[in-house]
N, C-alpha and C. Protein backbone atom coordinates (compact mmCIF):
# COMPACT_ATOMS: atom_id res chain seq x y z
N MET A 1 140.15 123.14 99.82
CA MET A 1 139.26 122.00 99.75
C MET A 1 138.01 122.31 100.56
N GLY A 2 136.85 122.22 99.94
CA GLY A 2 135.60 122.57 100.60
C GLY A 2 135.11 121.47 101.52
N ILE A 3 134.27 121.86 102.44
CA ILE A 3 133.65 120.91 103.36
C ILE A 3 132.40 120.36 102.70
N THR A 4 132.27 119.06 102.72
CA THR A 4 131.07 118.45 102.15
C THR A 4 130.23 117.87 103.27
N ASN A 5 128.95 118.05 103.15
CA ASN A 5 128.02 117.48 104.13
C ASN A 5 127.52 116.15 103.60
N LYS A 6 128.02 115.08 104.15
CA LYS A 6 127.61 113.76 103.70
C LYS A 6 126.49 113.25 104.59
N GLN A 7 125.46 112.80 103.94
CA GLN A 7 124.33 112.20 104.64
C GLN A 7 124.60 110.71 104.79
N PRO A 8 123.98 110.05 105.78
CA PRO A 8 124.16 108.61 105.93
C PRO A 8 123.85 107.84 104.64
N ARG A 9 122.84 108.30 103.91
CA ARG A 9 122.49 107.63 102.65
C ARG A 9 123.65 107.71 101.65
N ASP A 10 124.35 108.85 101.61
CA ASP A 10 125.49 109.00 100.71
C ASP A 10 126.58 107.99 101.04
N VAL A 11 126.84 107.85 102.32
CA VAL A 11 127.85 106.89 102.76
C VAL A 11 127.42 105.47 102.41
N ALA A 12 126.15 105.15 102.66
CA ALA A 12 125.64 103.81 102.36
C ALA A 12 125.73 103.51 100.87
N GLU A 13 125.40 104.48 100.04
CA GLU A 13 125.47 104.27 98.59
C GLU A 13 126.92 104.05 98.15
N ARG A 14 127.84 104.80 98.72
CA ARG A 14 129.26 104.62 98.38
C ARG A 14 129.74 103.23 98.78
N ILE A 15 129.32 102.78 99.95
CA ILE A 15 129.70 101.43 100.39
C ILE A 15 129.11 100.39 99.46
N ALA A 16 127.86 100.58 99.06
CA ALA A 16 127.22 99.62 98.14
C ALA A 16 127.95 99.58 96.81
N LEU A 17 128.34 100.73 96.30
CA LEU A 17 129.07 100.76 95.03
C LEU A 17 130.41 100.03 95.14
N ARG A 18 131.10 100.23 96.25
CA ARG A 18 132.36 99.52 96.46
C ARG A 18 132.15 98.02 96.53
N ARG A 19 131.10 97.61 97.24
CA ARG A 19 130.82 96.18 97.35
C ARG A 19 130.49 95.59 95.98
N THR A 20 129.69 96.30 95.19
CA THR A 20 129.34 95.82 93.85
C THR A 20 130.60 95.69 93.00
N ALA A 21 131.48 96.69 93.07
CA ALA A 21 132.72 96.65 92.29
C ALA A 21 133.59 95.47 92.73
N ARG A 22 133.60 95.21 94.03
CA ARG A 22 134.45 94.14 94.58
C ARG A 22 133.87 92.77 94.26
N THR A 23 132.55 92.60 94.38
CA THR A 23 131.94 91.28 94.20
C THR A 23 131.42 91.07 92.79
N GLY A 24 131.18 92.17 92.07
CA GLY A 24 130.60 92.06 90.73
C GLY A 24 129.14 91.66 90.77
N ASN A 25 128.53 91.75 91.94
CA ASN A 25 127.15 91.31 92.11
C ASN A 25 126.32 92.46 92.64
N GLU A 26 125.44 93.00 91.79
CA GLU A 26 124.62 94.13 92.20
C GLU A 26 123.58 93.75 93.24
N THR A 27 123.22 92.47 93.30
CA THR A 27 122.19 92.07 94.25
C THR A 27 122.75 91.89 95.66
N ALA A 28 124.08 91.81 95.79
CA ALA A 28 124.67 91.70 97.12
C ALA A 28 124.47 93.04 97.83
N ASP A 29 123.85 93.01 98.98
CA ASP A 29 123.72 94.24 99.73
C ASP A 29 124.10 94.00 101.17
N PHE A 30 124.14 95.05 101.91
CA PHE A 30 124.68 95.00 103.26
C PHE A 30 123.64 95.22 104.33
N TRP A 31 122.38 95.29 103.96
CA TRP A 31 121.31 95.54 104.92
C TRP A 31 121.00 94.30 105.74
N ARG A 32 120.67 94.52 107.00
CA ARG A 32 120.14 93.46 107.85
C ARG A 32 118.63 93.60 107.81
N ARG A 33 117.95 92.51 107.50
CA ARG A 33 116.50 92.55 107.40
C ARG A 33 115.88 91.49 108.30
N GLU A 34 114.70 91.81 108.79
CA GLU A 34 113.94 90.83 109.55
C GLU A 34 112.46 91.03 109.20
N SER A 35 111.79 89.92 108.93
CA SER A 35 110.38 89.95 108.56
C SER A 35 109.51 89.58 109.75
N PHE A 36 108.34 90.18 109.81
CA PHE A 36 107.40 89.93 110.89
C PHE A 36 105.99 89.84 110.33
N CYS A 37 105.14 89.14 111.02
CA CYS A 37 103.72 89.08 110.70
C CYS A 37 102.98 88.96 112.04
N MET A 38 102.23 90.01 112.38
CA MET A 38 101.57 90.05 113.69
C MET A 38 100.42 91.03 113.66
N PRO A 39 99.57 91.00 114.69
CA PRO A 39 98.48 91.98 114.78
C PRO A 39 99.01 93.41 114.79
N ARG A 40 98.18 94.34 114.34
CA ARG A 40 98.59 95.74 114.17
C ARG A 40 99.28 96.33 115.40
N GLU A 41 98.69 96.20 116.58
CA GLU A 41 99.30 96.81 117.77
C GLU A 41 100.65 96.19 118.10
N GLN A 42 100.78 94.88 117.96
CA GLN A 42 102.07 94.24 118.20
C GLN A 42 103.09 94.69 117.16
N ALA A 43 102.64 94.88 115.92
CA ALA A 43 103.54 95.35 114.85
C ALA A 43 104.07 96.75 115.19
N ARG A 44 103.21 97.60 115.70
CA ARG A 44 103.66 98.95 116.10
C ARG A 44 104.70 98.88 117.20
N VAL A 45 104.46 98.01 118.18
CA VAL A 45 105.40 97.86 119.29
C VAL A 45 106.74 97.33 118.77
N LYS A 46 106.70 96.34 117.89
CA LYS A 46 107.93 95.75 117.35
C LYS A 46 108.72 96.78 116.55
N ALA A 47 108.04 97.55 115.71
CA ALA A 47 108.72 98.58 114.92
C ALA A 47 109.35 99.62 115.85
N ARG A 48 108.63 100.04 116.90
CA ARG A 48 109.17 101.01 117.86
C ARG A 48 110.40 100.45 118.56
N GLU A 49 110.39 99.14 118.90
CA GLU A 49 111.56 98.50 119.51
C GLU A 49 112.78 98.62 118.60
N TRP A 50 112.56 98.36 117.32
CA TRP A 50 113.66 98.46 116.35
C TRP A 50 114.20 99.88 116.28
N PHE A 51 113.31 100.87 116.20
CA PHE A 51 113.76 102.25 116.10
C PHE A 51 114.46 102.70 117.39
N ASP A 52 114.02 102.19 118.53
CA ASP A 52 114.69 102.51 119.79
C ASP A 52 116.05 101.84 119.89
N ARG A 53 116.11 100.59 119.48
CA ARG A 53 117.37 99.83 119.58
C ARG A 53 118.37 100.24 118.52
N TYR A 54 117.90 100.53 117.31
CA TYR A 54 118.75 100.90 116.19
C TYR A 54 118.30 102.27 115.67
N PRO A 55 118.74 103.35 116.28
CA PRO A 55 118.28 104.69 115.89
C PRO A 55 118.49 104.95 114.40
N LYS A 56 117.51 105.57 113.80
CA LYS A 56 117.53 105.83 112.36
C LYS A 56 118.77 106.61 111.94
N ALA A 57 119.18 107.58 112.74
CA ALA A 57 120.33 108.41 112.38
C ALA A 57 121.63 107.60 112.26
N ALA A 58 121.76 106.57 113.06
CA ALA A 58 123.00 105.78 113.04
C ALA A 58 122.91 104.54 112.16
N TYR A 59 121.75 103.91 112.12
CA TYR A 59 121.60 102.63 111.41
C TYR A 59 120.74 102.71 110.16
N MET A 60 120.20 103.89 109.87
CA MET A 60 119.29 104.07 108.73
C MET A 60 118.12 103.07 108.79
N THR A 61 117.66 102.81 109.99
CA THR A 61 116.56 101.88 110.21
C THR A 61 115.30 102.37 109.52
N GLU A 62 114.59 101.44 108.89
CA GLU A 62 113.32 101.80 108.27
C GLU A 62 112.44 100.58 108.09
N ILE A 63 111.16 100.85 107.91
CA ILE A 63 110.23 99.80 107.51
C ILE A 63 110.32 99.74 106.00
N GLU A 64 110.91 98.68 105.50
CA GLU A 64 111.16 98.56 104.07
C GLU A 64 109.88 98.24 103.29
N PHE A 65 109.04 97.43 103.90
CA PHE A 65 107.83 96.98 103.22
C PHE A 65 106.79 96.64 104.27
N TRP A 66 105.53 96.91 103.97
CA TRP A 66 104.46 96.44 104.85
C TRP A 66 103.18 96.30 104.05
N ARG A 67 102.31 95.43 104.57
CA ARG A 67 100.98 95.27 103.98
C ARG A 67 100.06 94.66 105.03
N GLU A 68 98.77 94.95 104.86
CA GLU A 68 97.77 94.37 105.74
C GLU A 68 97.19 93.14 105.06
N LEU A 69 97.21 92.02 105.75
CA LEU A 69 96.69 90.77 105.21
C LEU A 69 95.18 90.70 105.41
N SER A 70 94.55 89.78 104.72
CA SER A 70 93.09 89.67 104.78
C SER A 70 92.57 89.36 106.19
N ASP A 71 93.41 88.73 107.01
CA ASP A 71 92.99 88.42 108.39
C ASP A 71 93.27 89.56 109.36
N GLY A 72 93.72 90.71 108.83
CA GLY A 72 93.97 91.88 109.67
C GLY A 72 95.38 91.97 110.21
N GLN A 73 96.18 90.95 110.01
CA GLN A 73 97.57 90.98 110.48
C GLN A 73 98.39 91.89 109.57
N ILE A 74 99.48 92.40 110.12
CA ILE A 74 100.40 93.24 109.36
C ILE A 74 101.67 92.44 109.09
N GLU A 75 102.02 92.35 107.84
CA GLU A 75 103.27 91.72 107.43
C GLU A 75 104.22 92.86 107.08
N PHE A 76 105.42 92.85 107.65
CA PHE A 76 106.35 93.94 107.37
C PHE A 76 107.79 93.47 107.48
N VAL A 77 108.67 94.23 106.84
CA VAL A 77 110.10 93.95 106.85
C VAL A 77 110.81 95.18 107.40
N MET A 78 111.60 94.98 108.43
CA MET A 78 112.44 96.04 108.99
C MET A 78 113.84 95.85 108.44
N ARG A 79 114.50 96.97 108.13
CA ARG A 79 115.89 96.86 107.67
C ARG A 79 116.73 97.92 108.35
N ARG A 80 118.01 97.58 108.48
CA ARG A 80 118.98 98.50 109.12
C ARG A 80 120.37 98.16 108.65
N LEU A 81 121.29 99.07 108.84
CA LEU A 81 122.69 98.78 108.59
C LEU A 81 123.20 97.90 109.72
N PRO A 82 124.18 97.06 109.45
CA PRO A 82 124.67 96.16 110.50
C PRO A 82 125.40 96.87 111.63
N THR A 83 126.04 97.99 111.36
CA THR A 83 126.75 98.74 112.41
C THR A 83 126.56 100.22 112.18
N ALA A 84 126.96 101.00 113.15
CA ALA A 84 126.84 102.46 113.03
C ALA A 84 128.16 103.09 112.64
N ASP A 85 129.06 102.33 112.08
CA ASP A 85 130.37 102.86 111.67
C ASP A 85 130.27 103.83 110.53
């Protein structure tokens, strides 16, 4: 039996497929999301806090969406896995 190198994304996709099979609902997902809207510098600080608190390697933390509003504020959504299991 060969050794397989599983990436966190592979594990997450497998979990999502199991959840879909169990619930029958493709829109059900397991990500924790939080939305923010703040000035650019504060947005950078907030994103860095998330990456420090929930390291990407363990929680697959990422900025899922962002945009600059007409008033110069940054609207963004951070997402992560709920645990590092």
